[in-house]
Amino acid sequence: MKALNIITLILVIIGGINWGLVGAFNFDLVAALFGVDSGVSNLVYILVGLSALYQLIPLAQSFRAGEVRGQGAART
């Protein structure tokens, strides 16, 4: 489970960097590396999307465990 969490987190980071490049420079790194509308590019996009969905599980678990608190809770 830990390996899957790390792999999906890396894929989410790659996706975030790619979207940052698209937004800032209109440059799609995944398409540049693997080709526009290629099977590999589509696979990367699908894996990034699935990874983002998977990362909702650890996020929900951290909320339940009380690891995530708002800024107001830190002030005492």
PDB file of N, CA and C in Angstrom:
ATOM      1  N   MET A   1       0.833  -1.191   0.000  1.00  0.00           N
ATOM      2  CA  MET A   1       0.000   0.000   0.000  1.00  0.00           C
ATOM      3  C   MET A   1       0.873   1.248   0.000  1.00  0.00           C
ATOM      4  N   LYS A   2       1.992   1.222   0.742  1.00  0.00           N
ATOM      5  CA  LYS A   2       2.856   2.384   0.787  1.00  0.00           C
ATOM      6  C   LYS A   2       3.466   2.663  -0.584  1.00  0.00           C
ATOM      7  N   ALA A   3       3.878   1.613  -1.304  1.00  0.00           N
ATOM      8  CA  ALA A   3       4.454   1.797  -2.640  1.00  0.00           C
ATOM      9  C   ALA A   3       3.428   2.406  -3.587  1.00  0.00           C
ATOM     10  N   LEU A   4       2.195   1.925  -3.528  1.00  0.00           N
ATOM     11  CA  LEU A   4       1.138   2.469  -4.382  1.00  0.00           C
ATOM     12  C   LEU A   4       0.885   3.934  -4.055  1.00  0.00           C
ATOM     13  N   ASN A   5       0.917   4.278  -2.788  1.00  0.00           N
ATOM     14  CA  ASN A   5       0.722   5.660  -2.369  1.00  0.00           C
ATOM     15  C   ASN A   5       1.830   6.560  -2.924  1.00  0.00           C
ATOM     16  N   ILE A   6       3.059   6.101  -2.880  1.00  0.00           N
ATOM     17  CA  ILE A   6       4.190   6.891  -3.390  1.00  0.00           C
ATOM     18  C   ILE A   6       4.107   7.031  -4.906  1.00  0.00           C
ATOM     19  N   ILE A   7       3.789   5.947  -5.597  1.00  0.00           N
ATOM     20  CA  ILE A   7       3.678   5.993  -7.064  1.00  0.00           C
ATOM     21  C   ILE A   7       2.577   6.955  -7.484  1.00  0.00           C
ATOM     22  N   THR A   8       1.410   6.851  -6.847  1.00  0.00           N
ATOM     23  CA  THR A   8       0.312   7.738  -7.228  1.00  0.00           C
ATOM     24  C   THR A   8       0.623   9.184  -6.874  1.00  0.00           C
ATOM     25  N   LEU A   9       1.307   9.411  -5.778  1.00  0.00           N
ATOM     26  CA  LEU A   9       1.684  10.774  -5.416  1.00  0.00           C
ATOM     27  C   LEU A   9       2.650  11.364  -6.447  1.00  0.00           C
ATOM     28  N   ILE A  10       3.596  10.569  -6.899  1.00  0.00           N
ATOM     29  CA  ILE A  10       4.533  11.023  -7.941  1.00  0.00           C
ATOM     30  C   ILE A  10       3.774  11.360  -9.226  1.00  0.00           C
ATOM     31  N   LEU A  11       2.830  10.512  -9.602  1.00  0.00           N
ATOM     32  CA  LEU A  11       2.043  10.779 -10.810  1.00  0.00           C
ATOM     33  C   LEU A  11       1.202  12.039 -10.673  1.00  0.00           C
ATOM     34  N   VAL A  12       0.656  12.285  -9.496  1.00  0.00           N
ATOM     35  CA  VAL A  12      -0.117  13.512  -9.272  1.00  0.00           C
ATOM     36  C   VAL A  12       0.801  14.738  -9.377  1.00  0.00           C
ATOM     37  N   ILE A  13       2.005  14.632  -8.855  1.00  0.00           N
ATOM     38  CA  ILE A  13       2.967  15.738  -8.960  1.00  0.00           C
ATOM     39  C   ILE A  13       3.332  15.979 -10.424  1.00  0.00           C
ATOM     40  N   ILE A  14       3.570  14.919 -11.181  1.00  0.00           N
ATOM     41  CA  ILE A  14       3.861  15.062 -12.610  1.00  0.00           C
ATOM     42  C   ILE A  14       2.699  15.755 -13.313  1.00  0.00           C
ATOM     43  N   GLY A  15       1.484  15.341 -12.989  1.00  0.00           N
ATOM     44  CA  GLY A  15       0.310  15.973 -13.587  1.00  0.00           C
ATOM     45  C   GLY A  15       0.201  17.439 -13.223  1.00  0.00           C
ATOM     46  N   GLY A  16       0.510  17.770 -11.980  1.00  0.00           N
ATOM     47  CA  GLY A  16       0.463  19.166 -11.554  1.00  0.00           C
ATOM     48  C   GLY A  16       1.499  20.018 -12.267  1.00  0.00           C
ATOM     49  N   ILE A  17       2.698  19.467 -12.416  1.00  0.00           N
ATOM     50  CA  ILE A  17       3.741  20.189 -13.148  1.00  0.00           C
ATOM     51  C   ILE A  17       3.329  20.379 -14.598  1.00  0.00           C
ATOM     52  N   ASN A  18       2.766  19.337 -15.199  1.00  0.00           N
ATOM     53  CA  ASN A  18       2.327  19.435 -16.588  1.00  0.00           C
ATOM     54  C   ASN A  18       1.251  20.514 -16.746  1.00  0.00           C
ATOM     55  N   TRP A  19       0.272  20.537 -15.837  1.00  0.00           N
ATOM     56  CA  TRP A  19      -0.778  21.563 -15.910  1.00  0.00           C
ATOM     57  C   TRP A  19      -0.210  22.954 -15.674  1.00  0.00           C
ATOM     58  N   GLY A  20       0.784  23.062 -14.817  1.00  0.00           N
ATOM     59  CA  GLY A  20       1.438  24.355 -14.612  1.00  0.00           C
ATOM     60  C   GLY A  20       2.112  24.840 -15.885  1.00  0.00           C
ATOM     61  N   LEU A  21       2.774  23.934 -16.589  1.00  0.00           N
ATOM     62  CA  LEU A  21       3.406  24.286 -17.863  1.00  0.00           C
ATOM     63  C   LEU A  21       2.375  24.664 -18.920  1.00  0.00           C
ATOM     64  N   VAL A  22       1.266  23.948 -18.933  1.00  0.00           N
ATOM     65  CA  VAL A  22       0.201  24.268 -19.895  1.00  0.00           C
ATOM     66  C   VAL A  22      -0.359  25.655 -19.601  1.00  0.00           C
ATOM     67  N   GLY A  23      -0.612  25.934 -18.336  1.00  0.00           N
ATOM     68  CA  GLY A  23      -1.180  27.226 -17.971  1.00  0.00           C
ATOM     69  C   GLY A  23      -0.232  28.387 -18.175  1.00  0.00           C
ATOM     70  N   ALA A  24       1.031  28.199 -17.849  1.00  0.00           N
ATOM     71  CA  ALA A  24       1.991  29.299 -17.912  1.00  0.00           C
ATOM     72  C   ALA A  24       2.564  29.509 -19.316  1.00  0.00           C
ATOM     73  N   PHE A  25       2.813  28.415 -20.028  1.00  0.00           N
ATOM     74  CA  PHE A  25       3.533  28.527 -21.295  1.00  0.00           C
ATOM     75  C   PHE A  25       2.820  27.862 -22.468  1.00  0.00           C
ATOM     76  N   ASN A  26       1.612  27.347 -22.237  1.00  0.00           N
ATOM     77  CA  ASN A  26       0.868  26.623 -23.271  1.00  0.00           C
ATOM     78  C   ASN A  26       1.723  25.481 -23.838  1.00  0.00           C
ATOM     79  N   PHE A  27       2.439  24.783 -22.937  1.00  0.00           N
ATOM     80  CA  PHE A  27       3.331  23.691 -23.321  1.00  0.00           C
ATOM     81  C   PHE A  27       2.927  22.423 -22.584  1.00  0.00           C
ATOM     82  N   ASP A  28       2.522  21.428 -23.333  1.00  0.00           N
ATOM     83  CA  ASP A  28       2.111  20.142 -22.761  1.00  0.00           C
ATOM     84  C   ASP A  28       3.308  19.193 -22.824  1.00  0.00           C
ATOM     85  N   LEU A  29       3.966  18.997 -21.693  1.00  0.00           N
ATOM     86  CA  LEU A  29       5.173  18.178 -21.629  1.00  0.00           C
ATOM     87  C   LEU A  29       4.891  16.726 -21.998  1.00  0.00           C
ATOM     88  N   VAL A  30       3.780  16.187 -21.535  1.00  0.00           N
ATOM     89  CA  VAL A  30       3.444  14.790 -21.834  1.00  0.00           C
ATOM     90  C   VAL A  30       3.270  14.608 -23.336  1.00  0.00           C
ATOM     91  N   ALA A  31       2.545  15.517 -23.976  1.00  0.00           N
ATOM     92  CA  ALA A  31       2.349  15.434 -25.427  1.00  0.00           C
ATOM     93  C   ALA A  31       3.667  15.630 -26.170  1.00  0.00           C
ATOM     94  N   ALA A  32       4.533  16.495 -25.651  1.00  0.00           N
ATOM     95  CA  ALA A  32       5.828  16.722 -26.296  1.00  0.00           C
ATOM     96  C   ALA A  32       6.716  15.483 -26.199  1.00  0.00           C
ATOM     97  N   LEU A  33       6.635  14.770 -25.073  1.00  0.00           N
ATOM     98  CA  LEU A  33       7.470  13.579 -24.901  1.00  0.00           C
ATOM     99  C   LEU A  33       6.944  12.366 -25.660  1.00  0.00           C
ATOM    100  N   PHE A  34       5.615  12.183 -25.648  1.00  0.00           N
ATOM    101  CA  PHE A  34       5.044  10.942 -26.171  1.00  0.00           C
ATOM    102  C   PHE A  34       4.180  11.128 -27.408  1.00  0.00           C
ATOM    103  N   GLY A  35       3.954  12.368 -27.830  1.00  0.00           N
ATOM    104  CA  GLY A  35       3.133  12.625 -29.011  1.00  0.00           C
ATOM    105  C   GLY A  35       1.713  12.997 -28.635  1.00  0.00           C
ATOM    106  N   VAL A  36       1.154  13.892 -29.429  1.00  0.00           N
ATOM    107  CA  VAL A  36      -0.225  14.334 -29.202  1.00  0.00           C
ATOM    108  C   VAL A  36      -1.169  13.195 -29.566  1.00  0.00           C
ATOM    109  N   ASP A  37      -2.104  12.921 -28.684  1.00  0.00           N
ATOM    110  CA  ASP A  37      -3.110  11.864 -28.879  1.00  0.00           C
ATOM    111  C   ASP A  37      -2.516  10.487 -29.133  1.00  0.00           C
ATOM    112  N   SER A  38      -1.303  10.245 -28.655  1.00  0.00           N
ATOM    113  CA  SER A  38      -0.738   8.901 -28.780  1.00  0.00           C
ATOM    114  C   SER A  38      -1.289   8.034 -27.651  1.00  0.00           C
ATOM    115  N   GLY A  39      -1.168   6.746 -27.823  1.00  0.00           N
ATOM    116  CA  GLY A  39      -1.649   5.824 -26.804  1.00  0.00           C
ATOM    117  C   GLY A  39      -0.916   5.998 -25.486  1.00  0.00           C
ATOM    118  N   VAL A  40       0.392   6.266 -25.557  1.00  0.00           N
ATOM    119  CA  VAL A  40       1.182   6.442 -24.336  1.00  0.00           C
ATOM    120  C   VAL A  40       0.755   7.724 -23.616  1.00  0.00           C
ATOM    121  N   SER A  41       0.544   8.804 -24.357  1.00  0.00           N
ATOM    122  CA  SER A  41       0.086  10.058 -23.736  1.00  0.00           C
ATOM    123  C   SER A  41      -1.256   9.855 -23.055  1.00  0.00           C
ATOM    124  N   ASN A  42      -2.168   9.198 -23.753  1.00  0.00           N
ATOM    125  CA  ASN A  42      -3.486   8.945 -23.160  1.00  0.00           C
ATOM    126  C   ASN A  42      -3.367   8.087 -21.907  1.00  0.00           C
ATOM    127  N   LEU A  43      -2.474   7.107 -21.932  1.00  0.00           N
ATOM    128  CA  LEU A  43      -2.265   6.264 -20.757  1.00  0.00           C
ATOM    129  C   LEU A  43      -1.728   7.079 -19.586  1.00  0.00           C
ATOM    130  N   VAL A  44      -0.778   7.980 -19.858  1.00  0.00           N
ATOM    131  CA  VAL A  44      -0.233   8.831 -18.798  1.00  0.00           C
ATOM    132  C   VAL A  44      -1.339   9.692 -18.204  1.00  0.00           C
ATOM    133  N   TYR A  45      -2.172  10.309 -19.066  1.00  0.00           N
ATOM    134  CA  TYR A  45      -3.266  11.148 -18.565  1.00  0.00           C
ATOM    135  C   TYR A  45      -4.241  10.335 -17.712  1.00  0.00           C
ATOM    136  N   ILE A  46      -4.548   9.124 -18.149  1.00  0.00           N
ATOM    137  CA  ILE A  46      -5.469   8.261 -17.391  1.00  0.00           C
ATOM    138  C   ILE A  46      -4.856   7.884 -16.047  1.00  0.00           C
ATOM    139  N   LEU A  47      -3.574   7.517 -16.047  1.00  0.00           N
ATOM    140  CA  LEU A  47      -2.917   7.134 -14.797  1.00  0.00           C
ATOM    141  C   LEU A  47      -2.834   8.309 -13.825  1.00  0.00           C
ATOM    142  N   VAL A  48      -2.577   9.514 -14.340  1.00  0.00           N
ATOM    143  CA  VAL A  48      -2.543  10.703 -13.477  1.00  0.00           C
ATOM    144  C   VAL A  48      -3.922  10.944 -12.873  1.00  0.00           C
ATOM    145  N   GLY A  49      -4.961  10.837 -13.682  1.00  0.00           N
ATOM    146  CA  GLY A  49      -6.320  11.033 -13.168  1.00  0.00           C
ATOM    147  C   GLY A  49      -6.709   9.998 -12.126  1.00  0.00           C
ATOM    148  N   LEU A  50      -6.391   8.739 -12.388  1.00  0.00           N
ATOM    149  CA  LEU A  50      -6.676   7.677 -11.415  1.00  0.00           C
ATOM    150  C   LEU A  50      -5.867   7.872 -10.139  1.00  0.00           C
ATOM    151  N   SER A  51      -4.635   8.349 -10.296  1.00  0.00           N
ATOM    152  CA  SER A  51      -3.787   8.599  -9.128  1.00  0.00           C
ATOM    153  C   SER A  51      -4.378   9.708  -8.254  1.00  0.00           C
ATOM    154  N   ALA A  52      -4.906  10.747  -8.894  1.00  0.00           N
ATOM    155  CA  ALA A  52      -5.536  11.828  -8.130  1.00  0.00           C
ATOM    156  C   ALA A  52      -6.741  11.297  -7.355  1.00  0.00           C
ATOM    157  N   LEU A  53      -7.531  10.448  -7.994  1.00  0.00           N
ATOM    158  CA  LEU A  53      -8.672   9.850  -7.284  1.00  0.00           C
ATOM    159  C   LEU A  53      -8.200   8.981  -6.127  1.00  0.00           C
ATOM    160  N   TYR A  54      -7.141   8.199  -6.345  1.00  0.00           N
ATOM    161  CA  TYR A  54      -6.619   7.344  -5.288  1.00  0.00           C
ATOM    162  C   TYR A  54      -6.109   8.170  -4.111  1.00  0.00           C
ATOM    163  N   GLN A  55      -5.505   9.316  -4.380  1.00  0.00           N
ATOM    164  CA  GLN A  55      -4.960  10.149  -3.309  1.00  0.00           C
ATOM    165  C   GLN A  55      -6.050  10.745  -2.426  1.00  0.00           C
ATOM    166  N   LEU A  56      -7.300  10.650  -2.845  1.00  0.00           N
ATOM    167  CA  LEU A  56      -8.403  11.072  -1.976  1.00  0.00           C
ATOM    168  C   LEU A  56      -8.517  10.154  -0.751  1.00  0.00           C
ATOM    169  N   ILE A  57      -8.113   8.901  -0.895  1.00  0.00           N
ATOM    170  CA  ILE A  57      -8.198   7.945   0.219  1.00  0.00           C
ATOM    171  C   ILE A  57      -7.283   8.358   1.370  1.00  0.00           C
ATOM    172  N   PRO A  58      -5.967   8.587   1.133  1.00  0.00           N
ATOM    173  CA  PRO A  58      -5.122   9.028   2.248  1.00  0.00           C
ATOM    174  C   PRO A  58      -5.541  10.389   2.802  1.00  0.00           C
ATOM    175  N   LEU A  59      -6.059  11.255   1.937  1.00  0.00           N
ATOM    176  CA  LEU A  59      -6.534  12.557   2.414  1.00  0.00           C
ATOM    177  C   LEU A  59      -7.697  12.372   3.384  1.00  0.00           C
ATOM    178  N   ALA A  60      -8.654  11.534   3.021  1.00  0.00           N
ATOM    179  CA  ALA A  60      -9.792  11.278   3.908  1.00  0.00           C
ATOM    180  C   ALA A  60      -9.337  10.626   5.206  1.00  0.00           C
ATOM    181  N   GLN A  61      -8.373   9.723   5.122  1.00  0.00           N
ATOM    182  CA  GLN A  61      -7.859   9.068   6.326  1.00  0.00           C
ATOM    183  C   GLN A  61      -7.164  10.065   7.243  1.00  0.00           C
ATOM    184  N   SER A  62      -6.463  11.023   6.670  1.00  0.00           N
ATOM    185  CA  SER A  62      -5.780  12.013   7.504  1.00  0.00           C
ATOM    186  C   SER A  62      -6.782  12.937   8.187  1.00  0.00           C
ATOM    187  N   PHE A  63      -7.893  13.224   7.517  1.00  0.00           N
ATOM    188  CA  PHE A  63      -8.943  14.022   8.164  1.00  0.00           C
ATOM    189  C   PHE A  63      -9.541  13.254   9.336  1.00  0.00           C
ATOM    190  N   ARG A  64      -9.800  11.957   9.132  1.00  0.00           N
ATOM    191  CA  ARG A  64     -10.380  11.139  10.201  1.00  0.00           C
ATOM    192  C   ARG A  64      -9.432  10.994  11.374  1.00  0.00           C
ATOM    193  N   ALA A  65      -8.137  10.951  11.099  1.00  0.00           N
ATOM    194  CA  ALA A  65      -7.146  10.786  12.163  1.00  0.00           C
ATOM    195  C   ALA A  65      -6.827  12.102  12.859  1.00  0.00           C
ATOM    196  N   GLY A  66      -7.377  13.199  12.347  1.00  0.00           N
ATOM    197  CA  GLY A  66      -7.138  14.492  12.960  1.00  0.00           C
ATOM    198  C   GLY A  66      -5.800  15.106  12.591  1.00  0.00           C
ATOM    199  N   GLU A  67      -5.188  14.619  11.508  1.00  0.00           N
ATOM    200  CA  GLU A  67      -3.893  15.152  11.100  1.00  0.00           C
ATOM    201  C   GLU A  67      -4.024  16.491  10.381  1.00  0.00           C
ATOM    202  N   VAL A  68      -5.173  16.747   9.798  1.00  0.00           N
ATOM    203  CA  VAL A  68      -5.383  17.977   9.039  1.00  0.00           C
ATOM    204  C   VAL A  68      -6.309  18.875   9.840  1.00  0.00           C
ATOM    205  N   ARG A  69      -5.797  20.054  10.192  1.00  0.00           N
ATOM    206  CA  ARG A  69      -6.607  21.018  10.934  1.00  0.00           C
ATOM    207  C   ARG A  69      -6.520  22.359  10.229  1.00  0.00           C
ATOM    208  N   GLY A  70      -7.538  23.164  10.404  1.00  0.00           N
ATOM    209  CA  GLY A  70      -7.531  24.497   9.833  1.00  0.00           C
ATOM    210  C   GLY A  70      -6.531  25.398  10.573  1.00  0.00           C
ATOM    211  N   GLN A  71      -6.236  26.540   9.981  1.00  0.00           N
ATOM    212  CA  GLN A  71      -5.294  27.447  10.586  1.00  0.00           C
ATOM    213  C   GLN A  71      -5.779  27.971  11.939  1.00  0.00           C
ATOM    214  N   GLY A  72      -7.052  28.104  12.077  1.00  0.00           N
ATOM    215  CA  GLY A  72      -7.597  28.609  13.345  1.00  0.00           C
ATOM    216  C   GLY A  72      -7.344  27.658  14.499  1.00  0.00           C
ATOM    217  N   ALA A  73      -7.268  26.371  14.213  1.00  0.00           N
ATOM    218  CA  ALA A  73      -7.047  25.385  15.273  1.00  0.00           C
ATOM    219  C   ALA A  73      -5.615  25.443  15.815  1.00  0.00           C
ATOM    220  N   ALA A  74      -4.688  25.978  15.029  1.00  0.00           N
ATOM    221  CA  ALA A  74      -3.292  26.013  15.453  1.00  0.00           C
ATOM    222  C   ALA A  74      -3.053  27.115  16.475  1.00  0.00           C
ATOM    223  N   ARG A  75      -3.905  28.099  16.499  1.00  0.00           N
ATOM    224  CA  ARG A  75      -3.736  29.217  17.451  1.00  0.00           C
ATOM    225  C   ARG A  75      -4.346  28.865  18.802  1.00  0.00           C
ATOM    226  N   THR A  76      -3.536  28.875  19.813  1.00  0.00           N
ATOM    227  CA  THR A  76      -4.063  28.610  21.161  1.00  0.00           C
ATOM    228  C   THR A  76      -3.469  29.555  22.139  1.00  0.00           C
TER     229      THR A  76
END
